[in-house]
Amino acid sequence: MTTILDPTDEREPVHRQLTLRSGSITGNVALLDISKPRGNVLLDRLEALLQDRLPGITVNRYAKPTFTKPAPDDLRAEIARGNDFIIEGLAD
């Protein structure tokens, strides 16, 4: 059983069921750099770990023009069109 801690100060934690996992990950994984300082360093390391541990994936890198605004519609559409998973990298 997994315990998930909720920082919202619930006196009785809500029980949440984890989604079943297939046991393998294949396909395209998008790594989105939101353009905060050193986010690319985090994503570089994550990309290396993913490719080492999940040989069945292709990693695609993307970057927002600025962290102060949402990703442009065309960038979001491109990511959605070409990927099965997305990981957004935040760092400072």
PDB file of N, CA and C in Angstrom:
ATOM      1  N   MET A   1       0.842  -1.179   0.000  1.00  0.00           N
ATOM      2  CA  MET A   1       0.000   0.000   0.000  1.00  0.00           C
ATOM      3  C   MET A   1       0.890   1.246   0.000  1.00  0.00           C
ATOM      4  N   THR A   2       0.526   2.221  -0.777  1.00  0.00           N
ATOM      5  CA  THR A   2       1.273   3.463  -0.870  1.00  0.00           C
ATOM      6  C   THR A   2       0.528   4.559  -0.133  1.00  0.00           C
ATOM      7  N   THR A   3       1.247   5.349   0.658  1.00  0.00           N
ATOM      8  CA  THR A   3       0.650   6.478   1.351  1.00  0.00           C
ATOM      9  C   THR A   3       1.039   7.748   0.617  1.00  0.00           C
ATOM     10  N   ILE A   4       0.057   8.552   0.263  1.00  0.00           N
ATOM     11  CA  ILE A   4       0.306   9.827  -0.392  1.00  0.00           C
ATOM     12  C   ILE A   4       0.018  10.921   0.630  1.00  0.00           C
ATOM     13  N   LEU A   5       1.022  11.753   0.892  1.00  0.00           N
ATOM     14  CA  LEU A   5       0.852  12.839   1.853  1.00  0.00           C
ATOM     15  C   LEU A   5       0.303  14.061   1.124  1.00  0.00           C
ATOM     16  N   ASP A   6      -0.678  14.690   1.706  1.00  0.00           N
ATOM     17  CA  ASP A   6      -1.333  15.843   1.118  1.00  0.00           C
ATOM     18  C   ASP A   6      -1.006  17.078   1.941  1.00  0.00           C
ATOM     19  N   PRO A   7      -0.352  18.093   1.344  1.00  0.00           N
ATOM     20  CA  PRO A   7       0.063  19.271   2.108  1.00  0.00           C
ATOM     21  C   PRO A   7      -1.071  20.247   2.419  1.00  0.00           C
ATOM     22  N   THR A   8      -2.305  19.875   2.154  1.00  0.00           N
ATOM     23  CA  THR A   8      -3.429  20.801   2.374  1.00  0.00           C
ATOM     24  C   THR A   8      -3.987  20.728   3.792  1.00  0.00           C
ATOM     25  N   ASP A   9      -3.290  20.067   4.699  1.00  0.00           N
ATOM     26  CA  ASP A   9      -3.668  19.999   6.105  1.00  0.00           C
ATOM     27  C   ASP A   9      -4.980  19.258   6.341  1.00  0.00           C
ATOM     28  N   GLU A  10      -5.186  18.201   5.578  1.00  0.00           N
ATOM     29  CA  GLU A  10      -6.346  17.366   5.849  1.00  0.00           C
ATOM     30  C   GLU A  10      -6.037  16.518   7.078  1.00  0.00           C
ATOM     31  N   ARG A  11      -6.929  16.501   8.028  1.00  0.00           N
ATOM     32  CA  ARG A  11      -6.714  15.716   9.241  1.00  0.00           C
ATOM     33  C   ARG A  11      -6.850  14.225   8.948  1.00  0.00           C
ATOM     34  N   GLU A  12      -7.713  13.876   8.034  1.00  0.00           N
ATOM     35  CA  GLU A  12      -7.876  12.495   7.583  1.00  0.00           C
ATOM     36  C   GLU A  12      -7.476  12.446   6.111  1.00  0.00           C
ATOM     37  N   PRO A  13      -6.311  11.896   5.798  1.00  0.00           N
ATOM     38  CA  PRO A  13      -5.876  11.858   4.395  1.00  0.00           C
ATOM     39  C   PRO A  13      -6.870  11.117   3.511  1.00  0.00           C
ATOM     40  N   VAL A  14      -7.027  11.607   2.319  1.00  0.00           N
ATOM     41  CA  VAL A  14      -7.910  10.982   1.334  1.00  0.00           C
ATOM     42  C   VAL A  14      -7.187   9.777   0.748  1.00  0.00           C
ATOM     43  N   HIS A  15      -7.870   8.649   0.691  1.00  0.00           N
ATOM     44  CA  HIS A  15      -7.281   7.461   0.076  1.00  0.00           C
ATOM     45  C   HIS A  15      -7.437   7.577  -1.434  1.00  0.00           C
ATOM     46  N   ARG A  16      -6.324   7.455  -2.132  1.00  0.00           N
ATOM     47  CA  ARG A  16      -6.344   7.541  -3.593  1.00  0.00           C
ATOM     48  C   ARG A  16      -5.763   6.255  -4.164  1.00  0.00           C
ATOM     49  N   GLN A  17      -6.420   5.735  -5.158  1.00  0.00           N
ATOM     50  CA  GLN A  17      -5.964   4.522  -5.826  1.00  0.00           C
ATOM     51  C   GLN A  17      -5.004   4.897  -6.944  1.00  0.00           C
ATOM     52  N   LEU A  18      -3.830   4.262  -6.968  1.00  0.00           N
ATOM     53  CA  LEU A  18      -2.898   4.503  -8.055  1.00  0.00           C
ATOM     54  C   LEU A  18      -3.412   3.861  -9.336  1.00  0.00           C
ATOM     55  N   THR A  19      -3.161   4.502 -10.449  1.00  0.00           N
ATOM     56  CA  THR A  19      -3.541   3.962 -11.746  1.00  0.00           C
ATOM     57  C   THR A  19      -2.679   2.752 -12.050  1.00  0.00           C
ATOM     58  N   LEU A  20      -3.272   1.728 -12.620  1.00  0.00           N
ATOM     59  CA  LEU A  20      -2.514   0.544 -12.990  1.00  0.00           C
ATOM     60  C   LEU A  20      -1.464   0.901 -14.028  1.00  0.00           C
ATOM     61  N   ARG A  21      -0.308   0.317 -13.921  1.00  0.00           N
ATOM     62  CA  ARG A  21       0.792   0.562 -14.848  1.00  0.00           C
ATOM     63  C   ARG A  21       0.957  -0.642 -15.761  1.00  0.00           C
ATOM     64  N   SER A  22       1.368  -0.378 -16.991  1.00  0.00           N
ATOM     65  CA  SER A  22       1.535  -1.455 -17.964  1.00  0.00           C
ATOM     66  C   SER A  22       2.808  -2.252 -17.725  1.00  0.00           C
ATOM     67  N   GLY A  23       3.747  -1.698 -17.003  1.00  0.00           N
ATOM     68  CA  GLY A  23       5.008  -2.379 -16.769  1.00  0.00           C
ATOM     69  C   GLY A  23       6.090  -1.968 -17.743  1.00  0.00           C
ATOM     70  N   SER A  24       5.712  -1.273 -18.812  1.00  0.00           N
ATOM     71  CA  SER A  24       6.716  -0.800 -19.765  1.00  0.00           C
ATOM     72  C   SER A  24       6.270   0.533 -20.341  1.00  0.00           C
ATOM     73  N   ILE A  25       7.252   1.307 -20.739  1.00  0.00           N
ATOM     74  CA  ILE A  25       6.972   2.594 -21.374  1.00  0.00           C
ATOM     75  C   ILE A  25       7.658   2.584 -22.725  1.00  0.00           C
ATOM     76  N   THR A  26       6.886   2.825 -23.772  1.00  0.00           N
ATOM     77  CA  THR A  26       7.430   2.935 -25.119  1.00  0.00           C
ATOM     78  C   THR A  26       6.787   4.133 -25.789  1.00  0.00           C
ATOM     79  N   GLY A  27       7.400   4.610 -26.829  1.00  0.00           N
ATOM     80  CA  GLY A  27       6.842   5.729 -27.575  1.00  0.00           C
ATOM     81  C   GLY A  27       7.685   6.969 -27.419  1.00  0.00           C
ATOM     82  N   ASN A  28       7.057   8.104 -27.632  1.00  0.00           N
ATOM     83  CA  ASN A  28       7.735   9.396 -27.598  1.00  0.00           C
ATOM     84  C   ASN A  28       7.469  10.119 -26.286  1.00  0.00           C
ATOM     85  N   VAL A  29       8.545  10.624 -25.689  1.00  0.00           N
ATOM     86  CA  VAL A  29       8.456  11.374 -24.441  1.00  0.00           C
ATOM     87  C   VAL A  29       8.931  12.796 -24.716  1.00  0.00           C
ATOM     88  N   ALA A  30       8.075  13.768 -24.444  1.00  0.00           N
ATOM     89  CA  ALA A  30       8.430  15.174 -24.611  1.00  0.00           C
ATOM     90  C   ALA A  30       9.005  15.708 -23.312  1.00  0.00           C
ATOM     91  N   LEU A  31      10.134  16.390 -23.408  1.00  0.00           N
ATOM     92  CA  LEU A  31      10.700  17.106 -22.276  1.00  0.00           C
ATOM     93  C   LEU A  31      10.554  18.584 -22.581  1.00  0.00           C
ATOM     94  N   LEU A  32       9.770  19.285 -21.764  1.00  0.00           N
ATOM     95  CA  LEU A  32       9.492  20.702 -21.983  1.00  0.00           C
ATOM     96  C   LEU A  32      10.259  21.547 -20.984  1.00  0.00           C
ATOM     97  N   ASP A  33      11.163  22.351 -21.492  1.00  0.00           N
ATOM     98  CA  ASP A  33      11.919  23.305 -20.687  1.00  0.00           C
ATOM     99  C   ASP A  33      11.094  24.589 -20.649  1.00  0.00           C
ATOM    100  N   ILE A  34      10.710  25.036 -19.458  1.00  0.00           N
ATOM    101  CA  ILE A  34       9.877  26.237 -19.384  1.00  0.00           C
ATOM    102  C   ILE A  34      10.703  27.519 -19.419  1.00  0.00           C
ATOM    103  N   SER A  35      12.017  27.368 -19.621  1.00  0.00           N
ATOM    104  CA  SER A  35      12.948  28.497 -19.783  1.00  0.00           C
ATOM    105  C   SER A  35      13.289  29.210 -18.474  1.00  0.00           C
ATOM    106  N   LYS A  36      13.221  28.482 -17.377  1.00  0.00           N
ATOM    107  CA  LYS A  36      13.751  29.025 -16.117  1.00  0.00           C
ATOM    108  C   LYS A  36      15.228  28.655 -16.045  1.00  0.00           C
ATOM    109  N   PRO A  37      16.018  29.426 -15.320  1.00  0.00           N
ATOM    110  CA  PRO A  37      17.446  29.138 -15.224  1.00  0.00           C
ATOM    111  C   PRO A  37      17.720  27.701 -14.764  1.00  0.00           C
ATOM    112  N   ARG A  38      18.613  27.048 -15.447  1.00  0.00           N
ATOM    113  CA  ARG A  38      19.096  25.700 -15.165  1.00  0.00           C
ATOM    114  C   ARG A  38      18.066  24.599 -15.412  1.00  0.00           C
ATOM    115  N   GLY A  39      16.920  24.930 -15.960  1.00  0.00           N
ATOM    116  CA  GLY A  39      15.954  23.899 -16.314  1.00  0.00           C
ATOM    117  C   GLY A  39      16.529  22.932 -17.329  1.00  0.00           C
ATOM    118  N   ASN A  40      17.333  23.462 -18.249  1.00  0.00           N
ATOM    119  CA  ASN A  40      17.947  22.602 -19.257  1.00  0.00           C
ATOM    120  C   ASN A  40      18.923  21.604 -18.624  1.00  0.00           C
ATOM    121  N   VAL A  41      19.585  21.994 -17.540  1.00  0.00           N
ATOM    122  CA  VAL A  41      20.509  21.091 -16.845  1.00  0.00           C
ATOM    123  C   VAL A  41      19.725  19.912 -16.257  1.00  0.00           C
ATOM    124  N   LEU A  42      18.609  20.213 -15.617  1.00  0.00           N
ATOM    125  CA  LEU A  42      17.739  19.169 -15.075  1.00  0.00           C
ATOM    126  C   LEU A  42      17.268  18.234 -16.180  1.00  0.00           C
ATOM    127  N   LEU A  43      16.800  18.806 -17.288  1.00  0.00           N
ATOM    128  CA  LEU A  43      16.267  17.977 -18.364  1.00  0.00           C
ATOM    129  C   LEU A  43      17.355  17.190 -19.085  1.00  0.00           C
ATOM    130  N   ASP A  44      18.570  17.736 -19.178  1.00  0.00           N
ATOM    131  CA  ASP A  44      19.683  16.979 -19.766  1.00  0.00           C
ATOM    132  C   ASP A  44      19.925  15.703 -18.969  1.00  0.00           C
ATOM    133  N   ARG A  45      19.962  15.846 -17.657  1.00  0.00           N
ATOM    134  CA  ARG A  45      20.187  14.683 -16.780  1.00  0.00           C
ATOM    135  C   ARG A  45      19.033  13.701 -16.857  1.00  0.00           C
ATOM    136  N   LEU A  46      17.813  14.223 -16.853  1.00  0.00           N
ATOM    137  CA  LEU A  46      16.636  13.373 -16.942  1.00  0.00           C
ATOM    138  C   LEU A  46      16.611  12.619 -18.274  1.00  0.00           C
ATOM    139  N   GLU A  47      16.953  13.301 -19.353  1.00  0.00           N
ATOM    140  CA  GLU A  47      16.991  12.649 -20.667  1.00  0.00           C
ATOM    141  C   GLU A  47      17.978  11.491 -20.662  1.00  0.00           C
ATOM    142  N   ALA A  48      19.159  11.706 -20.103  1.00  0.00           N
ATOM    143  CA  ALA A  48      20.164  10.639 -20.039  1.00  0.00           C
ATOM    144  C   ALA A  48      19.646   9.445 -19.231  1.00  0.00           C
ATOM    145  N   LEU A  49      19.002   9.720 -18.092  1.00  0.00           N
ATOM    146  CA  LEU A  49      18.455   8.635 -17.269  1.00  0.00           C
ATOM    147  C   LEU A  49      17.340   7.881 -17.992  1.00  0.00           C
ATOM    148  N   LEU A  50      16.457   8.613 -18.637  1.00  0.00           N
ATOM    149  CA  LEU A  50      15.350   7.970 -19.361  1.00  0.00           C
ATOM    150  C   LEU A  50      15.872   7.080 -20.482  1.00  0.00           C
ATOM    151  N   GLN A  51      16.812   7.587 -21.259  1.00  0.00           N
ATOM    152  CA  GLN A  51      17.327   6.799 -22.380  1.00  0.00           C
ATOM    153  C   GLN A  51      18.093   5.576 -21.898  1.00  0.00           C
ATOM    154  N   ASP A  52      18.738   5.685 -20.755  1.00  0.00           N
ATOM    155  CA  ASP A  52      19.463   4.548 -20.195  1.00  0.00           C
ATOM    156  C   ASP A  52      18.509   3.484 -19.676  1.00  0.00           C
ATOM    157  N   ARG A  53      17.452   3.900 -19.006  1.00  0.00           N
ATOM    158  CA  ARG A  53      16.538   2.952 -18.354  1.00  0.00           C
ATOM    159  C   ARG A  53      15.374   2.503 -19.222  1.00  0.00           C
ATOM    160  N   LEU A  54      15.044   3.295 -20.245  1.00  0.00           N
ATOM    161  CA  LEU A  54      13.885   2.986 -21.096  1.00  0.00           C
ATOM    162  C   LEU A  54      14.304   3.007 -22.563  1.00  0.00           C
ATOM    163  N   PRO A  55      14.965   1.946 -23.026  1.00  0.00           N
ATOM    164  CA  PRO A  55      15.466   1.959 -24.407  1.00  0.00           C
ATOM    165  C   PRO A  55      14.369   2.002 -25.472  1.00  0.00           C
ATOM    166  N   GLY A  56      13.128   1.761 -25.104  1.00  0.00           N
ATOM    167  CA  GLY A  56      12.032   1.761 -26.065  1.00  0.00           C
ATOM    168  C   GLY A  56      11.416   3.122 -26.315  1.00  0.00           C
ATOM    169  N   ILE A  57      12.039   4.199 -25.822  1.00  0.00           N
ATOM    170  CA  ILE A  57      11.457   5.528 -25.991  1.00  0.00           C
ATOM    171  C   ILE A  57      12.314   6.398 -26.906  1.00  0.00           C
ATOM    172  N   THR A  58      11.670   7.411 -27.439  1.00  0.00           N
ATOM    173  CA  THR A  58      12.347   8.485 -28.158  1.00  0.00           C
ATOM    174  C   THR A  58      12.071   9.756 -27.376  1.00  0.00           C
ATOM    175  N   VAL A  59      13.122  10.499 -27.051  1.00  0.00           N
ATOM    176  CA  VAL A  59      12.967  11.740 -26.297  1.00  0.00           C
ATOM    177  C   VAL A  59      12.974  12.919 -27.269  1.00  0.00           C
ATOM    178  N   ASN A  60      11.984  13.758 -27.160  1.00  0.00           N
ATOM    179  CA  ASN A  60      11.885  14.983 -27.956  1.00  0.00           C
ATOM    180  C   ASN A  60      11.955  16.177 -27.016  1.00  0.00           C
ATOM    181  N   ARG A  61      12.797  17.144 -27.344  1.00  0.00           N
ATOM    182  CA  ARG A  61      12.986  18.317 -26.479  1.00  0.00           C
ATOM    183  C   ARG A  61      12.258  19.529 -27.047  1.00  0.00           C
ATOM    184  N   TYR A  62      11.660  20.286 -26.136  1.00  0.00           N
ATOM    185  CA  TYR A  62      10.943  21.510 -26.481  1.00  0.00           C
ATOM    186  C   TYR A  62      11.266  22.567 -25.431  1.00  0.00           C
ATOM    187  N   ALA A  63      11.072  23.827 -25.802  1.00  0.00           N
ATOM    188  CA  ALA A  63      11.289  24.914 -24.843  1.00  0.00           C
ATOM    189  C   ALA A  63      10.255  26.007 -25.073  1.00  0.00           C
ATOM    190  N   LYS A  64       9.717  26.502 -23.963  1.00  0.00           N
ATOM    191  CA  LYS A  64       8.839  27.671 -24.034  1.00  0.00           C
ATOM    192  C   LYS A  64       9.709  28.901 -24.286  1.00  0.00           C
ATOM    193  N   PRO A  65       9.159  29.924 -24.959  1.00  0.00           N
ATOM    194  CA  PRO A  65       9.935  31.139 -25.169  1.00  0.00           C
ATOM    195  C   PRO A  65      10.243  31.873 -23.862  1.00  0.00           C
ATOM    196  N   THR A  66       9.344  31.783 -22.891  1.00  0.00           N
ATOM    197  CA  THR A  66       9.530  32.451 -21.603  1.00  0.00           C
ATOM    198  C   THR A  66       8.734  31.717 -20.534  1.00  0.00           C
ATOM    199  N   PHE A  67       9.242  31.735 -19.311  1.00  0.00           N
ATOM    200  CA  PHE A  67       8.508  31.060 -18.234  1.00  0.00           C
ATOM    201  C   PHE A  67       7.360  31.911 -17.703  1.00  0.00           C
ATOM    202  N   THR A  68       7.295  33.168 -18.105  1.00  0.00           N
ATOM    203  CA  THR A  68       6.288  34.070 -17.550  1.00  0.00           C
ATOM    204  C   THR A  68       4.916  33.935 -18.195  1.00  0.00           C
ATOM    205  N   LYS A  69       4.834  33.186 -19.289  1.00  0.00           N
ATOM    206  CA  LYS A  69       3.555  33.020 -19.995  1.00  0.00           C
ATOM    207  C   LYS A  69       3.340  31.553 -20.326  1.00  0.00           C
ATOM    208  N   PRO A  70       2.085  31.159 -20.534  1.00  0.00           N
ATOM    209  CA  PRO A  70       1.818  29.784 -20.958  1.00  0.00           C
ATOM    210  C   PRO A  70       2.486  29.495 -22.303  1.00  0.00           C
ATOM    211  N   ALA A  71       2.702  28.225 -22.562  1.00  0.00           N
ATOM    212  CA  ALA A  71       3.269  27.828 -23.853  1.00  0.00           C
ATOM    213  C   ALA A  71       2.337  28.262 -24.968  1.00  0.00           C
ATOM    214  N   PRO A  72       2.890  28.739 -26.082  1.00  0.00           N
ATOM    215  CA  PRO A  72       2.046  29.134 -27.217  1.00  0.00           C
ATOM    216  C   PRO A  72       1.226  27.949 -27.732  1.00  0.00           C
ATOM    217  N   ASP A  73       0.069  28.261 -28.292  1.00  0.00           N
ATOM    218  CA  ASP A  73      -0.833  27.216 -28.791  1.00  0.00           C
ATOM    219  C   ASP A  73      -0.155  26.290 -29.784  1.00  0.00           C
ATOM    220  N   ASP A  74       0.646  26.844 -30.698  1.00  0.00           N
ATOM    221  CA  ASP A  74       1.285  26.000 -31.709  1.00  0.00           C
ATOM    222  C   ASP A  74       2.295  25.036 -31.079  1.00  0.00           C
ATOM    223  N   LEU A  75       2.990  25.469 -30.036  1.00  0.00           N
ATOM    224  CA  LEU A  75       3.930  24.590 -29.339  1.00  0.00           C
ATOM    225  C   LEU A  75       3.177  23.481 -28.617  1.00  0.00           C
ATOM    226  N   ARG A  76       2.097  23.822 -27.942  1.00  0.00           N
ATOM    227  CA  ARG A  76       1.306  22.798 -27.252  1.00  0.00           C
ATOM    228  C   ARG A  76       0.749  21.782 -28.243  1.00  0.00           C
ATOM    229  N   ALA A  77       0.285  22.264 -29.402  1.00  0.00           N
ATOM    230  CA  ALA A  77      -0.254  21.355 -30.420  1.00  0.00           C
ATOM    231  C   ALA A  77       0.833  20.433 -30.963  1.00  0.00           C
ATOM    232  N   GLU A  78       2.028  20.980 -31.190  1.00  0.00           N
ATOM    233  CA  GLU A  78       3.142  20.170 -31.684  1.00  0.00           C
ATOM    234  C   GLU A  78       3.513  19.081 -30.681  1.00  0.00           C
ATOM    235  N   ILE A  79       3.570  19.433 -29.415  1.00  0.00           N
ATOM    236  CA  ILE A  79       3.901  18.453 -28.369  1.00  0.00           C
ATOM    237  C   ILE A  79       2.824  17.370 -28.308  1.00  0.00           C
ATOM    238  N   ALA A  80       1.571  17.764 -28.329  1.00  0.00           N
ATOM    239  CA  ALA A  80       0.468  16.799 -28.242  1.00  0.00           C
ATOM    240  C   ALA A  80       0.439  15.878 -29.464  1.00  0.00           C
ATOM    241  N   ARG A  81       0.737  16.426 -30.608  1.00  0.00           N
ATOM    242  CA  ARG A  81       0.679  15.662 -31.854  1.00  0.00           C
ATOM    243  C   ARG A  81       1.781  14.589 -31.922  1.00  0.00           C
ATOM    244  N   GLY A  82       2.948  14.887 -31.379  1.00  0.00           N
ATOM    245  CA  GLY A  82       4.071  14.001 -31.601  1.00  0.00           C
ATOM    246  C   GLY A  82       4.555  13.205 -30.410  1.00  0.00           C
ATOM    247  N   ASN A  83       3.800  13.196 -29.305  1.00  0.00           N
ATOM    248  CA  ASN A  83       4.304  12.550 -28.099  1.00  0.00           C
ATOM    249  C   ASN A  83       3.219  11.799 -27.351  1.00  0.00           C
ATOM    250  N   ASP A  84       3.673  10.781 -26.619  1.00  0.00           N
ATOM    251  CA  ASP A  84       2.775   9.986 -25.794  1.00  0.00           C
ATOM    252  C   ASP A  84       2.797  10.419 -24.333  1.00  0.00           C
ATOM    253  N   PHE A  85       3.901  11.032 -23.918  1.00  0.00           N
ATOM    254  CA  PHE A  85       4.099  11.493 -22.551  1.00  0.00           C
ATOM    255  C   PHE A  85       4.764  12.852 -22.582  1.00  0.00           C
ATOM    256  N   ILE A  86       4.583  13.623 -21.508  1.00  0.00           N
ATOM    257  CA  ILE A  86       5.300  14.899 -21.384  1.00  0.00           C
ATOM    258  C   ILE A  86       5.797  15.071 -19.964  1.00  0.00           C
ATOM    259  N   ILE A  87       7.007  15.590 -19.862  1.00  0.00           N
ATOM    260  CA  ILE A  87       7.604  15.935 -18.575  1.00  0.00           C
ATOM    261  C   ILE A  87       8.016  17.392 -18.689  1.00  0.00           C
ATOM    262  N   GLU A  88       7.552  18.191 -17.758  1.00  0.00           N
ATOM    263  CA  GLU A  88       7.853  19.621 -17.759  1.00  0.00           C
ATOM    264  C   GLU A  88       8.927  19.885 -16.705  1.00  0.00           C
ATOM    265  N   GLY A  89      10.024  20.520 -17.112  1.00  0.00           N
ATOM    266  CA  GLY A  89      11.135  20.735 -16.206  1.00  0.00           C
ATOM    267  C   GLY A  89      11.149  22.121 -15.606  1.00  0.00           C
ATOM    268  N   LEU A  90      11.111  22.194 -14.279  1.00  0.00           N
ATOM    269  CA  LEU A  90      11.186  23.456 -13.555  1.00  0.00           C
ATOM    270  C   LEU A  90      12.484  23.462 -12.767  1.00  0.00           C
ATOM    271  N   ALA A  91      13.170  24.573 -12.769  1.00  0.00           N
ATOM    272  CA  ALA A  91      14.400  24.672 -11.985  1.00  0.00           C
ATOM    273  C   ALA A  91      14.742  26.138 -11.776  1.00  0.00           C
ATOM    274  N   ASP A  92      15.601  26.407 -10.842  1.00  0.00           N
ATOM    275  CA  ASP A  92      16.135  27.740 -10.572  1.00  0.00           C
ATOM    276  C   ASP A  92      17.511  27.590  -9.984  1.00  0.00           C
TER     277      ASP A  92
END
